[in-house]
Amino acid sequence: MGYIIPIAEFGNYLLYSILVGYVALQFVPESKKPNLYIPKPVLLLSTLGIFFFTLGPIAQTVSYFQEGVGLIIAIQSVILDFQVGRAWIVIGLLSTFLYLAILLNGSKYIQALLLLLMIVAVGYSSHVASLSFWAGLWSHSTHFLFITLWTGILIHVAWFSKEETNWSTFLRWFTPLAILCVLIIIFSGIYLMLFMVEPKDYVKSWSLPYGQMLLLKHISIIPVLIFAFINGVLLRKSIKIPSFNPKPWIRGESILIFIVFYITAVMGTLSPPHEVEFTVKSEGASKWVESLLGRNILTTEPIQLSYSFQSVMLIIFALLFLILILFSFKQRRAVLSITFGVIFIVVLYLGLMFSLLI
């Protein structure tokens, strides 16, 4: 169960992105986007996939209660009484209608409305909405909408474009849209994080599995932003060169976003540490962190950042790998840039972890 749920959550992010990107690009004139072709079965399977992948959180919740009340009662209670269960029923109905709308080439406005309601249902089922309903509902829905909008368009252009045409006109409108999406994602993400971890406990939360994933998510966003800069700014000049192919760089950005998706999916399976000190004392610290640092963590009171020679060197190396991403763009080596992005995530993570004073 521990491995299946993150895969299901990752699948939801991916499939929602594919559908949001498809619907959004229907509103863009053909002259302002590359020539795109996505097989209809992919879209139809995406709507079905959402219906089944959304069962992941339900299965996780049922597993918490089945030992106490039995499997049948647990399933009935979760589906009918919990927000995550009621959201699944709504998403199931809406995804069925969306399936039919895509199959029958229905109005793009109807498709957009159905998809928007599905995203609101995702916000309704979120952990934040259970803490503060209206604030959590709209903040999570907004966060999810703009993530899937930005990523969805990238996925279609990177993986479903047939020819390198209209790239200049595409970047002319997509770059400001991407900047807007990123700004909204960052601000809504910070707002959502405040429900989970207090700013004063951010570093201390690294001692817990949820805090580890939160740190990795924040680190992994950095190379994504570097790729966004490459594709939004540097790519405009390079596409004037006839032999230059922009798709590998768009694909590179989408691959790094997939890493963020999976980390976020893992976070969704972990208990948010609303009170870090209490969580450490009641549930224990992350075994991985204790093994990495060679310490048993019984309390978070003494945890703080204290940079050593080792940690500073790792952080410097991480920044060098970040610079090498840009250098690789000049060398026209997208695979190398992606590799440097992944190495940056690992090295900066280790540099920050070895900076912890316990």
Protein backbone atom coordinates (compact mmCIF):
# COMPACT_ATOMS: atom_id res chain seq x y z
CA MET A 1 0.00 0.00 0.00
CA GLY A 2 2.86 2.37 0.85
CA TYR A 3 4.21 2.16 -2.71
CA ILE A 4 0.90 2.01 -4.58
CA ILE A 5 -0.65 5.19 -3.16
CA PRO A 6 2.16 7.55 -4.31
CA ILE A 7 1.97 6.02 -7.79
CA ALA A 8 -1.80 6.62 -7.83
CA GLU A 9 -1.35 10.22 -6.66
CA PHE A 10 1.36 10.78 -9.29
CA GLY A 11 -0.99 9.34 -11.90
CA ASN A 12 -3.66 11.81 -10.88
CA TYR A 13 -1.30 14.78 -11.32
CA LEU A 14 -0.20 13.50 -14.72
CA LEU A 15 -3.66 12.67 -16.07
CA TYR A 16 -5.23 15.91 -14.85
CA SER A 17 -2.36 17.79 -16.51
CA ILE A 18 -2.94 15.99 -19.81
CA LEU A 19 -6.66 16.82 -19.75
CA VAL A 20 -6.23 20.43 -18.61
CA GLY A 21 -3.57 21.00 -21.26
CA TYR A 22 -5.80 19.48 -23.94
CA VAL A 23 -8.82 21.60 -23.00
CA ALA A 24 -6.79 24.80 -22.58
CA LEU A 25 -5.11 24.43 -25.97
CA GLN A 26 -8.49 24.14 -27.66
CA PHE A 27 -8.95 27.83 -26.88
CA VAL A 28 -5.68 28.74 -28.65
CA PRO A 29 -5.78 29.43 -32.41
CA GLU A 30 -3.84 26.96 -34.57
CA SER A 31 -1.51 29.74 -35.74
CA LYS A 32 -0.33 30.35 -32.17
CA LYS A 33 0.70 26.83 -31.18
CA PRO A 34 2.77 23.99 -32.65
CA ASN A 35 1.00 21.36 -34.69
CA LEU A 36 -0.33 19.00 -32.01
CA TYR A 37 -1.83 15.54 -32.17
CA ILE A 38 -2.88 13.51 -29.15
CA PRO A 39 -4.72 10.25 -29.78
CA LYS A 40 -8.28 10.31 -28.49
CA PRO A 41 -7.78 6.98 -26.63
CA VAL A 42 -5.12 8.72 -24.50
CA LEU A 43 -7.66 11.37 -23.46
CA LEU A 44 -10.38 8.82 -22.80
CA LEU A 45 -8.06 6.61 -20.76
CA SER A 46 -6.99 9.71 -18.81
CA THR A 47 -10.58 10.33 -17.67
CA LEU A 48 -10.94 6.67 -16.66
CA GLY A 49 -7.54 6.72 -14.99
CA ILE A 50 -8.53 9.64 -12.79
CA PHE A 51 -11.60 7.73 -11.63
CA PHE A 52 -9.47 4.75 -10.55
CA PHE A 53 -6.41 6.63 -9.28
CA THR A 54 -8.63 8.75 -7.04
CA LEU A 55 -9.38 5.53 -5.18
CA GLY A 56 -5.85 5.70 -3.75
CA PRO A 57 -6.59 8.09 -0.85
CA ILE A 58 -9.80 6.18 -0.15
CA ALA A 59 -7.89 2.90 0.10
CA GLN A 60 -5.38 4.55 2.42
CA THR A 61 -8.14 5.91 4.67
CA VAL A 62 -9.98 2.57 4.72
CA SER A 63 -6.78 0.80 5.79
CA TYR A 64 -6.65 3.02 8.89
CA PHE A 65 -10.10 1.97 10.08
CA GLN A 66 -10.70 -1.55 8.81
CA GLU A 67 -9.07 -3.30 11.77
CA GLY A 68 -11.35 -1.51 14.20
CA VAL A 69 -14.72 -1.69 12.43
CA GLY A 70 -14.23 -4.21 9.63
CA LEU A 71 -13.58 -3.76 5.91
CA ILE A 72 -17.20 -3.36 4.70
CA ILE A 73 -18.18 -0.80 7.33
CA ALA A 74 -14.90 1.06 6.82
CA ILE A 75 -15.48 1.32 3.05
CA GLN A 76 -19.08 2.45 3.52
CA SER A 77 -18.12 5.03 6.13
CA VAL A 78 -15.19 6.48 4.16
CA ILE A 79 -17.15 6.80 0.90
CA LEU A 80 -20.29 8.28 2.43
CA ASP A 81 -19.04 10.23 5.46
CA PHE A 82 -15.53 11.43 4.57
CA GLN A 83 -14.75 14.34 2.25
CA VAL A 84 -12.34 12.17 0.25
CA GLY A 85 -15.11 9.60 -0.35
CA ARG A 86 -17.77 12.13 -1.36
CA ALA A 87 -15.25 13.83 -3.65
CA TRP A 88 -14.55 10.49 -5.35
CA ILE A 89 -18.26 10.04 -6.09
CA VAL A 90 -18.46 13.53 -7.60
CA ILE A 91 -15.23 13.06 -9.59
CA GLY A 92 -16.53 9.71 -10.85
CA LEU A 93 -19.73 11.29 -12.18
CA LEU A 94 -17.94 14.29 -13.69
CA SER A 95 -15.22 12.15 -15.29
CA THR A 96 -17.94 10.00 -16.88
CA PHE A 97 -19.55 13.08 -18.42
CA LEU A 98 -16.12 14.34 -19.51
CA TYR A 99 -15.43 10.97 -21.13
CA LEU A 100 -18.62 11.30 -23.15
CA ALA A 101 -17.90 14.94 -24.03
CA ILE A 102 -14.46 14.02 -25.41
CA LEU A 103 -15.74 10.88 -27.15
CA LEU A 104 -18.54 12.80 -28.89
CA ASN A 105 -16.36 15.88 -29.61
CA GLY A 106 -18.53 17.98 -27.32
CA SER A 107 -18.20 21.69 -26.70
CA LYS A 108 -14.83 22.81 -25.35
CA TYR A 109 -16.72 25.02 -22.89
CA ILE A 110 -18.53 22.00 -21.44
CA GLN A 111 -15.25 20.09 -21.21
CA ALA A 112 -13.63 23.04 -19.43
CA LEU A 113 -16.52 23.36 -16.97
CA LEU A 114 -16.50 19.63 -16.14
CA LEU A 115 -12.75 19.65 -15.64
CA LEU A 116 -12.90 22.76 -13.46
CA LEU A 117 -15.54 21.13 -11.25
CA MET A 118 -13.34 18.02 -10.97
CA ILE A 119 -10.46 20.21 -9.79
CA VAL A 120 -12.71 21.87 -7.21
CA ALA A 121 -13.63 18.37 -6.01
CA VAL A 122 -9.90 17.67 -5.58
CA GLY A 123 -9.65 20.81 -3.44
CA TYR A 124 -12.69 19.68 -1.45
CA SER A 125 -11.00 16.36 -0.63
CA SER A 126 -7.69 17.94 0.39
CA HIS A 127 -6.28 17.78 3.91
CA VAL A 128 -6.22 21.58 4.08
CA ALA A 129 -9.97 21.76 3.37
CA SER A 130 -10.57 19.46 6.34
CA LEU A 131 -8.73 21.96 8.55
CA SER A 132 -10.25 25.17 7.18
CA PHE A 133 -12.96 24.42 4.65
CA TRP A 134 -13.32 27.51 2.45
CA ALA A 135 -9.70 28.64 2.70
CA GLY A 136 -8.46 25.12 2.05
CA LEU A 137 -10.94 24.45 -0.75
CA TRP A 138 -10.08 27.51 -2.84
CA SER A 139 -6.35 27.64 -2.10
CA HIS A 140 -5.80 23.95 -2.92
CA SER A 141 -8.07 24.12 -5.99
CA THR A 142 -6.23 27.21 -7.26
CA HIS A 143 -2.84 25.64 -6.60
CA PHE A 144 -3.82 22.43 -8.38
CA LEU A 145 -5.45 24.26 -11.32
CA PHE A 146 -2.42 26.37 -12.18
CA ILE A 147 0.00 23.47 -11.71
CA THR A 148 -1.94 21.34 -14.18
CA LEU A 149 -2.46 24.27 -16.57
CA TRP A 150 1.26 25.06 -16.79
CA THR A 151 2.35 21.44 -16.87
CA GLY A 152 -0.45 20.30 -19.15
CA ILE A 153 0.43 22.73 -21.90
CA LEU A 154 4.10 21.77 -21.55
CA ILE A 155 3.28 18.06 -21.84
CA HIS A 156 1.27 18.54 -25.04
CA VAL A 157 3.85 20.76 -26.68
CA ALA A 158 6.78 18.59 -25.58
CA TRP A 159 5.39 15.13 -26.26
CA PHE A 160 2.52 15.53 -28.75
CA SER A 161 3.77 18.18 -31.20
CA LYS A 162 4.49 16.80 -34.66
CA GLU A 163 6.41 19.66 -36.25
CA GLU A 164 8.62 22.53 -35.04
CA THR A 165 6.24 25.22 -36.28
CA ASN A 166 4.84 28.38 -34.66
CA TRP A 167 7.29 28.16 -31.75
CA SER A 168 7.91 31.90 -31.67
CA THR A 169 4.22 32.77 -31.57
CA PHE A 170 3.64 30.00 -29.00
CA LEU A 171 6.36 31.29 -26.66
CA ARG A 172 5.09 34.86 -27.07
CA TRP A 173 1.88 34.05 -25.17
CA PHE A 174 2.95 31.00 -23.16
CA THR A 175 5.91 32.65 -21.43
CA PRO A 176 3.84 35.32 -19.60
CA LEU A 177 1.20 32.68 -18.85
CA ALA A 178 3.87 30.39 -17.38
CA ILE A 179 5.23 33.25 -15.25
CA LEU A 180 1.74 33.98 -13.94
CA CYS A 181 1.18 30.28 -13.19
CA VAL A 182 4.51 29.99 -11.35
CA LEU A 183 3.80 33.07 -9.21
CA ILE A 184 0.33 31.80 -8.27
CA ILE A 185 1.72 28.31 -7.57
CA ILE A 186 4.44 29.72 -5.30
CA PHE A 187 2.14 32.01 -3.30
CA SER A 188 -0.65 29.44 -2.98
CA GLY A 189 1.93 26.78 -2.11
CA ILE A 190 3.34 28.90 0.71
CA TYR A 191 -0.18 29.56 1.95
CA LEU A 192 -0.94 25.83 1.96
CA MET A 193 2.34 25.03 3.69
CA LEU A 194 1.43 27.32 6.58
CA PHE A 195 -1.45 24.98 7.38
CA MET A 196 0.99 22.07 7.71
CA VAL A 197 4.19 23.47 9.20
CA GLU A 198 4.77 26.70 11.06
CA PRO A 199 7.66 28.75 9.57
CA LYS A 200 9.61 28.56 12.85
CA ASP A 201 9.42 24.75 12.68
CA TYR A 202 10.37 24.41 9.01
CA VAL A 203 13.96 23.27 9.61
CA LYS A 204 12.92 21.11 12.57
CA SER A 205 10.35 19.37 10.37
CA TRP A 206 13.22 17.90 8.34
CA SER A 207 13.55 15.34 11.11
CA LEU A 208 10.20 13.85 10.00
CA PRO A 209 9.29 12.00 6.76
CA TYR A 210 6.83 14.76 5.74
CA GLY A 211 9.45 17.44 6.32
CA GLN A 212 11.94 15.46 4.24
CA MET A 213 9.56 15.36 1.30
CA LEU A 214 8.72 19.04 1.75
CA LEU A 215 12.41 19.94 1.63
CA LEU A 216 12.98 17.77 -1.46
CA LYS A 217 9.97 19.35 -3.15
CA HIS A 218 11.26 22.87 -2.55
CA ILE A 219 14.74 21.93 -3.78
CA SER A 220 13.43 20.17 -6.89
CA ILE A 221 11.45 23.26 -7.91
CA ILE A 222 14.71 25.22 -8.40
CA PRO A 223 15.98 23.35 -11.51
CA VAL A 224 12.42 23.47 -12.88
CA LEU A 225 12.57 27.27 -12.67
CA ILE A 226 15.98 27.25 -14.39
CA PHE A 227 14.51 25.22 -17.24
CA ALA A 228 11.54 27.57 -17.32
CA PHE A 229 13.99 30.46 -17.73
CA ILE A 230 15.76 28.61 -20.54
CA ASN A 231 12.52 27.82 -22.35
CA GLY A 232 10.92 31.19 -21.74
CA VAL A 233 13.87 33.49 -22.42
CA LEU A 234 16.90 31.79 -23.98
CA LEU A 235 14.86 29.59 -26.30
CA ARG A 236 13.42 32.62 -28.11
CA LYS A 237 16.82 33.45 -29.59
CA SER A 238 17.82 29.85 -30.31
CA ILE A 239 14.70 28.92 -32.28
CA LYS A 240 15.82 31.37 -34.98
CA ILE A 241 18.58 28.88 -35.80
CA PRO A 242 17.13 26.47 -38.41
CA SER A 243 18.92 23.39 -37.03
CA PHE A 244 17.79 23.96 -33.42
CA ASN A 245 15.15 21.62 -32.00
CA PRO A 246 13.35 23.14 -28.98
CA LYS A 247 11.41 20.01 -27.99
CA PRO A 248 14.16 18.30 -25.92
CA TRP A 249 14.31 21.37 -23.65
CA ILE A 250 10.55 21.50 -23.20
CA ARG A 251 10.66 17.78 -22.45
CA GLY A 252 13.45 18.35 -19.95
CA GLU A 253 11.32 20.84 -18.05
CA SER A 254 8.38 18.43 -18.02
CA ILE A 255 10.58 15.56 -16.74
CA LEU A 256 11.78 17.66 -13.83
CA ILE A 257 8.18 18.62 -13.09
CA PHE A 258 7.35 14.90 -13.00
CA ILE A 259 9.95 14.54 -10.23
CA VAL A 260 8.17 17.30 -8.28
CA PHE A 261 4.87 15.50 -8.92
CA TYR A 262 6.15 12.24 -7.46
CA ILE A 263 7.61 13.93 -4.38
CA THR A 264 4.29 15.72 -3.87
CA ALA A 265 2.49 12.39 -4.28
CA VAL A 266 4.63 10.82 -1.54
CA MET A 267 3.88 13.82 0.70
CA GLY A 268 0.19 13.10 0.28
CA THR A 269 0.63 9.73 1.98
CA LEU A 270 2.37 11.15 5.05
CA SER A 271 0.91 12.78 8.14
CA PRO A 272 1.53 16.56 8.18
CA PRO A 273 3.46 17.58 11.32
CA HIS A 274 1.22 20.35 12.64
CA GLU A 275 3.23 20.15 15.88
CA VAL A 276 6.70 18.92 15.02
CA GLU A 277 7.94 18.37 18.57
CA PHE A 278 4.83 16.39 19.54
CA THR A 279 5.04 14.29 16.36
CA VAL A 280 8.68 13.38 16.97
CA LYS A 281 7.97 12.33 20.54
CA SER A 282 4.81 10.38 19.68
CA GLU A 283 5.72 8.82 16.32
CA GLY A 284 9.51 9.09 16.27
CA ALA A 285 11.81 10.80 13.82
CA SER A 286 12.61 9.66 10.30
CA LYS A 287 14.80 6.54 10.38
CA TRP A 288 16.51 7.74 7.22
CA VAL A 289 17.52 11.04 8.85
CA GLU A 290 18.81 9.28 11.97
CA SER A 291 20.82 6.89 9.78
CA LEU A 292 22.16 9.68 7.56
CA LEU A 293 23.27 11.86 10.47
CA GLY A 294 24.21 9.01 12.81
CA ARG A 295 22.08 10.38 15.65
CA ASN A 296 18.97 9.32 17.49
CA ILE A 297 16.49 12.19 17.40
CA LEU A 298 14.36 12.23 20.54
CA THR A 299 13.47 15.94 20.50
CA THR A 300 13.58 18.79 17.99
CA GLU A 301 14.46 21.50 20.51
CA PRO A 302 18.21 21.66 19.69
CA ILE A 303 17.78 21.30 15.89
CA GLN A 304 19.11 24.25 13.92
CA LEU A 305 21.25 25.02 10.89
CA SER A 306 24.98 25.15 11.57
CA TYR A 307 27.08 25.06 8.43
CA SER A 308 30.27 23.02 8.39
CA PHE A 309 33.04 22.83 5.79
CA GLN A 310 31.49 19.65 4.42
CA SER A 311 27.99 21.13 4.08
CA VAL A 312 29.25 24.40 2.58
CA MET A 313 31.26 22.54 -0.06
CA LEU A 314 28.23 20.44 -0.97
CA ILE A 315 26.07 23.57 -1.33
CA ILE A 316 28.75 25.21 -3.51
CA PHE A 317 28.93 22.08 -5.69
CA ALA A 318 25.14 22.12 -5.98
CA LEU A 319 25.22 25.72 -7.21
CA LEU A 320 27.89 24.75 -9.75
CA PHE A 321 25.63 22.01 -11.09
CA LEU A 322 22.89 24.62 -11.39
CA ILE A 323 25.20 26.79 -13.49
CA LEU A 324 26.12 23.75 -15.59
CA ILE A 325 22.46 23.44 -16.59
CA LEU A 326 22.77 26.79 -18.36
CA PHE A 327 26.17 25.86 -19.76
CA SER A 328 24.70 22.66 -21.20
CA PHE A 329 22.08 24.72 -23.00
CA LYS A 330 24.84 26.56 -24.82
CA GLN A 331 26.26 23.17 -25.77
CA ARG A 332 22.79 22.03 -26.96
CA ARG A 333 22.80 18.97 -24.66
CA ALA A 334 19.39 18.65 -23.08
CA VAL A 335 20.02 15.22 -21.53
CA LEU A 336 23.09 16.59 -19.79
CA SER A 337 21.08 19.51 -18.42
CA ILE A 338 18.45 17.16 -17.00
CA THR A 339 21.20 15.07 -15.40
CA PHE A 340 22.75 18.15 -13.82
CA GLY A 341 19.31 19.15 -12.53
CA VAL A 342 18.85 15.80 -10.79
CA ILE A 343 22.38 15.91 -9.37
CA PHE A 344 21.70 19.42 -8.07
CA ILE A 345 18.67 18.15 -6.14
CA VAL A 346 20.66 15.33 -4.53
CA VAL A 347 23.75 17.40 -3.67
CA LEU A 348 21.86 20.40 -2.28
CA TYR A 349 19.68 18.07 -0.23
CA LEU A 350 22.77 16.43 1.30
CA GLY A 351 24.38 19.83 1.88
CA LEU A 352 21.37 21.07 3.84
CA MET A 353 20.98 17.81 5.76
CA PHE A 354 24.62 17.84 6.84
CA SER A 355 24.06 21.43 7.98
CA LEU A 356 21.67 20.25 10.69
CA LEU A 357 22.95 20.59 14.22
CA ILE A 358 21.19 18.12 16.52
